[in-house]
Protein backbone atom coordinates (compact mmCIF):
# COMPACT_ATOMS: atom_id res chain seq x y z
CA GLU A 1 10.57 26.07 14.02
CA VAL A 2 10.61 22.71 12.54
CA ASP A 3 13.83 20.90 12.01
CA PRO A 4 14.17 20.72 8.68
CA ILE A 5 15.91 17.02 8.75
CA VAL A 6 12.73 15.96 10.68
CA ALA A 7 10.30 17.37 8.47
CA SER A 8 11.35 15.56 5.58
CA PHE A 9 11.94 12.11 7.75
CA SER A 10 8.33 12.75 8.81
CA GLY A 11 6.62 13.12 5.24
CA GLY A 12 9.18 10.75 3.61
CA ALA A 13 7.29 8.54 6.48
CA VAL A 14 3.98 9.64 5.69
CA GLY A 15 4.68 9.12 1.85
CA VAL A 16 6.36 5.04 2.13
CA ILE A 17 3.54 4.22 4.56
CA SER A 18 0.95 5.49 1.95
CA ALA A 19 2.71 3.08 -0.57
CA LEU A 20 2.85 0.46 1.47
CA MET A 21 -1.15 0.73 2.14
CA VAL A 22 -1.75 0.98 -1.73
CA ILE A 23 0.93 -1.92 -2.57
CA GLU A 24 -1.22 -4.15 -0.06
CA ILE A 25 -4.56 -2.74 -1.13
CA ASN A 26 -4.33 -3.78 -4.88
CA ASN A 27 -2.16 -7.44 -3.27
CA VAL A 28 -5.44 -8.05 -2.04
CA GLU A 29 -7.76 -7.09 -5.25
CA GLN A 30 -5.37 -9.36 -7.06
CA GLN A 31 -5.86 -12.26 -4.76
CA GLU A 32 -9.49 -11.82 -4.86
CA LYS A 33 -9.45 -11.52 -8.26
CA LYS A 34 -7.50 -14.72 -8.53
CA ARG A 35 -10.10 -16.49 -5.81
CA CYS A 36 -12.60 -15.19 -8.41
CA LYS A 37 -11.36 -17.53 -11.25
CA TYR A 38 -11.05 -20.65 -9.41
CA CYS A 39 -13.98 -20.28 -7.78
CA LEU A 40 -15.45 -19.81 -11.63
CA GLY A 41 -13.47 -22.19 -12.59
CA THR A 42 -14.78 -25.33 -10.55
């Protein structure tokens, strides 16, 4: 038997972590694009 509170908490934690990972990946990609623009500009 899994406690519903524990199940919802662990599920929410997994969702938050995966969302943060997606945001972090997007930030890295955007920074690389900015860097490329600066490289092309010089």
